[in-house]
Amino acid sequence: MESSTQNAANIERETAHSKAVREMFSGIAGRYDLLNHLLSLNIDKRWRRKVRAGISDILVDQDAVILDVACGTGDLSLELKRGAKAQVLGTDFCRPMLAIAQQKSVDLAISYSEADAMELPFGDDSFDAVTIAFGLRNLPNVQRGLAELFRIVKPGGRLVVLEFSSPVLPGFRQLFNFYFARVLPRIGGMVSGSRAAYTYLPNSVSKFPDQKTLAGLFTQTGFSGVKFANLTGGIAAIHSGTKP
């Protein structure tokens, strides 16, 4: 009885979390790209190029299909598709973000669909590669989210996650944490009109697993060959793993 009650409480909490995140991103969709590039000094573009490089062998395969989960306004989907022979799909649960992604992709054959990353409408073993950039930490349950991504990757296929992480340089860590917790919410709030959204960002990053812990979750989920690479002193990291 206690287990059933706890399970119901977890489902209710996760549902409420997802609803709040969807509403938050809907509210800042129009300024999202501007703030991403402004607040990261355009470093985020370089990070996405590294994700593309990590699956470059799959992108040149005209028979491959790649899914970009939590694609938001489509920046990573667009990066993956440029020069690729593979088919690229994008999915997100925030309709205003998807609308912007579709506008940005009119000259590229990228198919977008609205879906929740916790319960994707795709069959088992569907994709040669799955990517998710700055979306994993927004899921209400990271481990369950990884299990869902594992489900839809083909055997031999890859999952690549780009996410904020824990800076590894002591002095730099303090400087970055000050910027992230004090400066970023003020600028983000002024430009987007929603300081709450840019207060949520550092809060969500502070609660997210660090590099080694996330690599461990990949392994627990069933991925093999798990590895990660720090970006810009560990501000962000790229994790990858292969489905056996």
Protein backbone atom coordinates (compact mmCIF):
# COMPACT_ATOMS: atom_id res chain seq x y z
CA MET A 1 0.00 0.00 0.00
CA GLU A 2 2.82 2.36 0.89
CA SER A 3 4.62 1.53 -2.35
CA SER A 4 1.50 2.26 -4.39
CA THR A 5 0.93 5.55 -2.55
CA GLN A 6 4.55 6.58 -3.05
CA ASN A 7 4.38 5.71 -6.73
CA ALA A 8 1.25 7.83 -7.17
CA ALA A 9 2.94 10.72 -5.38
CA ASN A 10 6.00 10.42 -7.64
CA ILE A 11 3.84 10.45 -10.76
CA GLU A 12 1.96 13.50 -9.51
CA ARG A 13 5.19 15.32 -8.71
CA GLU A 14 6.75 14.50 -12.09
CA THR A 15 3.60 15.57 -13.94
CA ALA A 16 3.57 18.90 -12.09
CA HIS A 17 7.27 19.41 -12.86
CA SER A 18 6.77 18.77 -16.58
CA LYS A 19 3.81 21.14 -16.72
CA ALA A 20 5.77 23.92 -15.02
CA VAL A 21 8.78 23.47 -17.33
CA ARG A 22 6.56 23.47 -20.43
CA GLU A 23 4.83 26.67 -19.34
CA MET A 24 8.14 28.33 -18.49
CA PHE A 25 9.69 27.60 -21.90
CA SER A 26 6.50 28.63 -23.67
CA GLY A 27 6.79 32.02 -21.97
CA ILE A 28 10.38 32.69 -23.07
CA ALA A 29 10.33 31.01 -26.51
CA GLY A 30 10.46 34.29 -28.42
CA ARG A 31 13.69 35.43 -26.71
CA TYR A 32 15.23 32.02 -26.15
CA ASP A 33 17.73 32.01 -29.04
CA LEU A 34 18.86 35.58 -28.41
CA LEU A 35 19.54 34.90 -24.75
CA ASN A 36 21.24 31.54 -25.38
CA HIS A 37 23.81 33.11 -27.65
CA LEU A 38 24.15 36.33 -25.63
CA LEU A 39 24.57 34.68 -22.25
CA SER A 40 27.00 32.04 -23.55
CA LEU A 41 28.96 34.49 -25.72
CA ASN A 42 28.10 32.17 -28.63
CA ILE A 43 30.13 29.33 -27.09
CA ASP A 44 26.99 27.15 -27.24
CA LYS A 45 27.31 27.06 -31.04
CA ARG A 46 30.76 25.51 -30.75
CA TRP A 47 29.44 22.95 -28.29
CA ARG A 48 26.74 21.86 -30.73
CA ARG A 49 29.33 21.44 -33.47
CA LYS A 50 31.15 19.02 -31.18
CA VAL A 51 27.96 16.98 -30.78
CA ARG A 52 27.72 16.79 -34.57
CA ALA A 53 31.36 15.68 -34.77
CA GLY A 54 30.59 12.90 -32.30
CA ILE A 55 28.12 11.26 -34.69
CA SER A 56 29.69 12.38 -37.97
CA ASP A 57 30.04 8.77 -39.13
CA ILE A 58 26.27 8.29 -38.74
CA LEU A 59 25.34 11.61 -40.35
CA VAL A 60 26.98 10.63 -43.64
CA ASP A 61 24.87 7.45 -43.88
CA GLN A 62 21.87 8.16 -46.13
CA ASP A 63 19.96 5.27 -44.54
CA ALA A 64 20.44 6.50 -40.96
CA VAL A 65 17.73 8.22 -38.93
CA ILE A 66 18.65 10.56 -36.06
CA LEU A 67 16.31 11.96 -33.42
CA ASP A 68 17.03 15.20 -31.59
CA VAL A 69 15.02 15.06 -28.36
CA ALA A 70 13.97 18.20 -26.47
CA CYS A 71 15.04 20.05 -29.60
CA GLY A 72 13.59 23.39 -28.47
CA THR A 73 13.99 25.99 -31.20
CA GLY A 74 15.94 23.57 -33.34
CA ASP A 75 19.53 24.78 -33.01
CA LEU A 76 21.04 21.30 -32.64
CA SER A 77 18.67 19.76 -35.21
CA LEU A 78 19.84 22.39 -37.71
CA GLU A 79 23.48 21.80 -36.85
CA LEU A 80 23.08 18.06 -37.37
CA LYS A 81 21.27 18.42 -40.68
CA ARG A 82 23.72 20.79 -42.38
CA GLY A 83 25.63 18.71 -44.92
CA ALA A 84 24.18 15.44 -43.55
CA LYS A 85 22.84 12.63 -45.70
CA ALA A 86 21.00 11.04 -42.78
CA GLN A 87 17.41 11.90 -41.94
CA VAL A 88 17.09 14.21 -38.92
CA LEU A 89 13.95 14.44 -36.79
CA GLY A 90 13.31 16.80 -33.89
CA THR A 91 10.84 16.54 -31.05
CA ASP A 92 9.88 18.73 -28.09
CA PHE A 93 6.89 19.07 -25.78
CA CYS A 94 6.75 22.88 -25.99
CA ARG A 95 4.70 23.96 -29.01
CA PRO A 96 5.92 27.60 -29.17
CA MET A 97 9.52 26.39 -29.29
CA LEU A 98 8.68 23.92 -32.05
CA ALA A 99 6.98 26.65 -34.07
CA ILE A 100 10.24 28.63 -34.05
CA ALA A 101 12.23 25.52 -34.97
CA GLN A 102 9.98 24.94 -37.97
CA GLN A 103 10.38 28.56 -39.12
CA LYS A 104 14.16 28.25 -38.90
CA SER A 105 14.17 24.97 -40.85
CA VAL A 106 12.10 25.88 -43.91
CA ASP A 107 15.08 25.32 -46.23
CA LEU A 108 16.10 22.02 -44.63
CA ALA A 109 14.27 18.70 -44.60
CA ILE A 110 13.83 18.33 -40.85
CA SER A 111 10.61 16.84 -39.53
CA TYR A 112 9.45 18.11 -36.12
CA SER A 113 6.84 16.62 -33.82
CA GLU A 114 5.40 17.48 -30.43
CA ALA A 115 6.17 14.82 -27.82
CA ASP A 116 7.26 14.38 -24.21
CA ALA A 117 10.78 12.99 -23.78
CA MET A 118 9.54 10.82 -20.92
CA GLU A 119 7.13 8.94 -23.19
CA LEU A 120 8.19 9.17 -26.82
CA PRO A 121 5.81 7.96 -29.56
CA PHE A 122 8.41 5.81 -31.31
CA GLY A 123 8.96 2.09 -31.38
CA ASP A 124 11.82 0.24 -29.73
CA ASP A 125 15.14 0.27 -31.59
CA SER A 126 14.06 3.06 -33.98
CA PHE A 127 17.06 5.39 -34.32
CA ASP A 128 20.71 5.11 -35.31
CA ALA A 129 21.51 8.02 -32.99
CA VAL A 130 19.62 10.10 -30.44
CA THR A 131 20.78 13.48 -29.21
CA ILE A 132 19.54 15.77 -26.46
CA ALA A 133 21.07 19.18 -25.74
CA PHE A 134 20.31 21.08 -22.54
CA GLY A 135 17.16 19.03 -22.06
CA LEU A 136 18.06 16.07 -19.87
CA ARG A 137 18.26 18.14 -16.68
CA ASN A 138 14.73 19.45 -17.32
CA LEU A 139 13.19 15.98 -17.18
CA PRO A 140 11.34 15.15 -13.98
CA ASN A 141 13.29 11.92 -13.59
CA VAL A 142 16.71 11.73 -15.27
CA GLN A 143 17.15 7.97 -14.89
CA ARG A 144 13.71 7.19 -16.33
CA GLY A 145 14.42 9.66 -19.12
CA LEU A 146 17.66 7.85 -19.99
CA ALA A 147 15.79 4.54 -20.01
CA GLU A 148 13.30 5.95 -22.52
CA LEU A 149 16.13 7.20 -24.75
CA PHE A 150 17.83 3.80 -24.47
CA ARG A 151 14.60 2.12 -25.58
CA ILE A 152 14.40 3.98 -28.89
CA VAL A 153 18.09 3.66 -29.88
CA LYS A 154 18.92 0.79 -32.21
CA PRO A 155 21.43 -1.82 -31.06
CA GLY A 156 24.79 -0.41 -32.07
CA GLY A 157 23.30 3.09 -32.07
CA ARG A 158 24.47 6.01 -29.96
CA LEU A 159 23.03 8.44 -27.42
CA VAL A 160 24.80 11.80 -27.16
CA VAL A 161 23.92 14.24 -24.38
CA LEU A 162 25.09 17.86 -24.24
CA GLU A 163 24.37 19.38 -20.86
CA PHE A 164 25.60 21.91 -18.34
CA SER A 165 27.89 20.28 -15.82
CA SER A 166 30.33 20.96 -12.97
CA PRO A 167 33.32 23.23 -13.70
CA VAL A 168 36.55 21.41 -12.94
CA LEU A 169 38.92 24.37 -12.48
CA PRO A 170 38.70 25.67 -8.86
CA GLY A 171 39.13 29.41 -9.50
CA PHE A 172 37.08 29.31 -12.67
CA ARG A 173 34.35 27.34 -10.87
CA GLN A 174 33.82 30.15 -8.37
CA LEU A 175 33.71 32.81 -11.08
CA PHE A 176 31.29 30.81 -13.20
CA ASN A 177 29.02 30.01 -10.25
CA PHE A 178 28.82 33.71 -9.39
CA TYR A 179 27.91 34.59 -12.99
CA PHE A 180 25.42 31.74 -13.25
CA ALA A 181 23.67 32.43 -9.93
CA ARG A 182 23.82 36.24 -9.75
CA VAL A 183 24.41 37.82 -13.16
CA LEU A 184 22.62 35.49 -15.56
CA PRO A 185 19.18 35.64 -13.85
CA ARG A 186 19.24 39.45 -13.93
CA ILE A 187 20.16 39.72 -17.60
CA GLY A 188 17.87 36.86 -18.59
CA GLY A 189 15.02 38.35 -16.61
CA MET A 190 15.40 41.81 -18.14
CA VAL A 191 15.56 40.55 -21.73
CA SER A 192 12.98 37.75 -21.52
CA GLY A 193 10.61 39.34 -19.01
CA SER A 194 10.82 36.22 -16.85
CA ARG A 195 13.46 36.27 -14.14
CA ALA A 196 11.96 33.05 -12.74
CA ALA A 197 12.99 31.17 -15.90
CA TYR A 198 16.61 32.26 -15.55
CA THR A 199 16.63 31.57 -11.83
CA TYR A 200 15.39 28.07 -12.64
CA LEU A 201 18.41 27.52 -14.92
CA PRO A 202 21.17 27.67 -12.27
CA ASN A 203 18.93 25.84 -9.81
CA SER A 204 18.37 22.98 -12.24
CA VAL A 205 22.08 22.77 -13.05
CA SER A 206 23.03 22.67 -9.36
CA LYS A 207 20.77 19.64 -8.85
CA PHE A 208 21.93 17.79 -11.97
CA PRO A 209 24.42 14.90 -11.67
CA ASP A 210 28.07 15.79 -12.22
CA GLN A 211 30.10 14.27 -15.05
CA LYS A 212 31.08 11.00 -13.37
CA THR A 213 27.66 10.46 -11.79
CA LEU A 214 25.90 10.95 -15.12
CA ALA A 215 28.33 8.55 -16.79
CA GLY A 216 27.40 6.04 -14.10
CA LEU A 217 23.70 6.51 -14.88
CA PHE A 218 24.43 5.82 -18.56
CA THR A 219 26.09 2.55 -17.57
CA GLN A 220 23.28 1.59 -15.19
CA THR A 221 20.78 2.20 -17.97
CA GLY A 222 22.58 -0.30 -20.19
CA PHE A 223 24.83 1.77 -22.44
CA SER A 224 28.33 0.52 -23.18
CA GLY A 225 31.47 2.42 -24.15
CA VAL A 226 30.29 5.33 -22.00
CA LYS A 227 32.52 8.40 -22.08
CA PHE A 228 32.37 12.11 -21.49
CA ALA A 229 34.32 15.19 -22.55
CA ASN A 230 34.39 18.44 -20.61
CA LEU A 231 33.73 21.64 -22.54
CA THR A 232 35.05 25.08 -21.58
CA GLY A 233 36.50 23.97 -18.27
CA GLY A 234 33.54 21.75 -17.40
CA ILE A 235 30.81 24.38 -17.77
CA ALA A 236 29.23 21.79 -20.01
CA ALA A 237 30.01 18.22 -20.97
CA ILE A 238 29.18 15.80 -23.75
CA HIS A 239 28.30 12.28 -22.63
CA SER A 240 27.89 9.41 -25.06
CA GLY A 241 27.17 5.73 -24.98
CA THR A 242 26.33 2.88 -27.34
CA LYS A 243 23.40 0.49 -27.03
CA PRO A 244 24.76 -3.07 -27.12
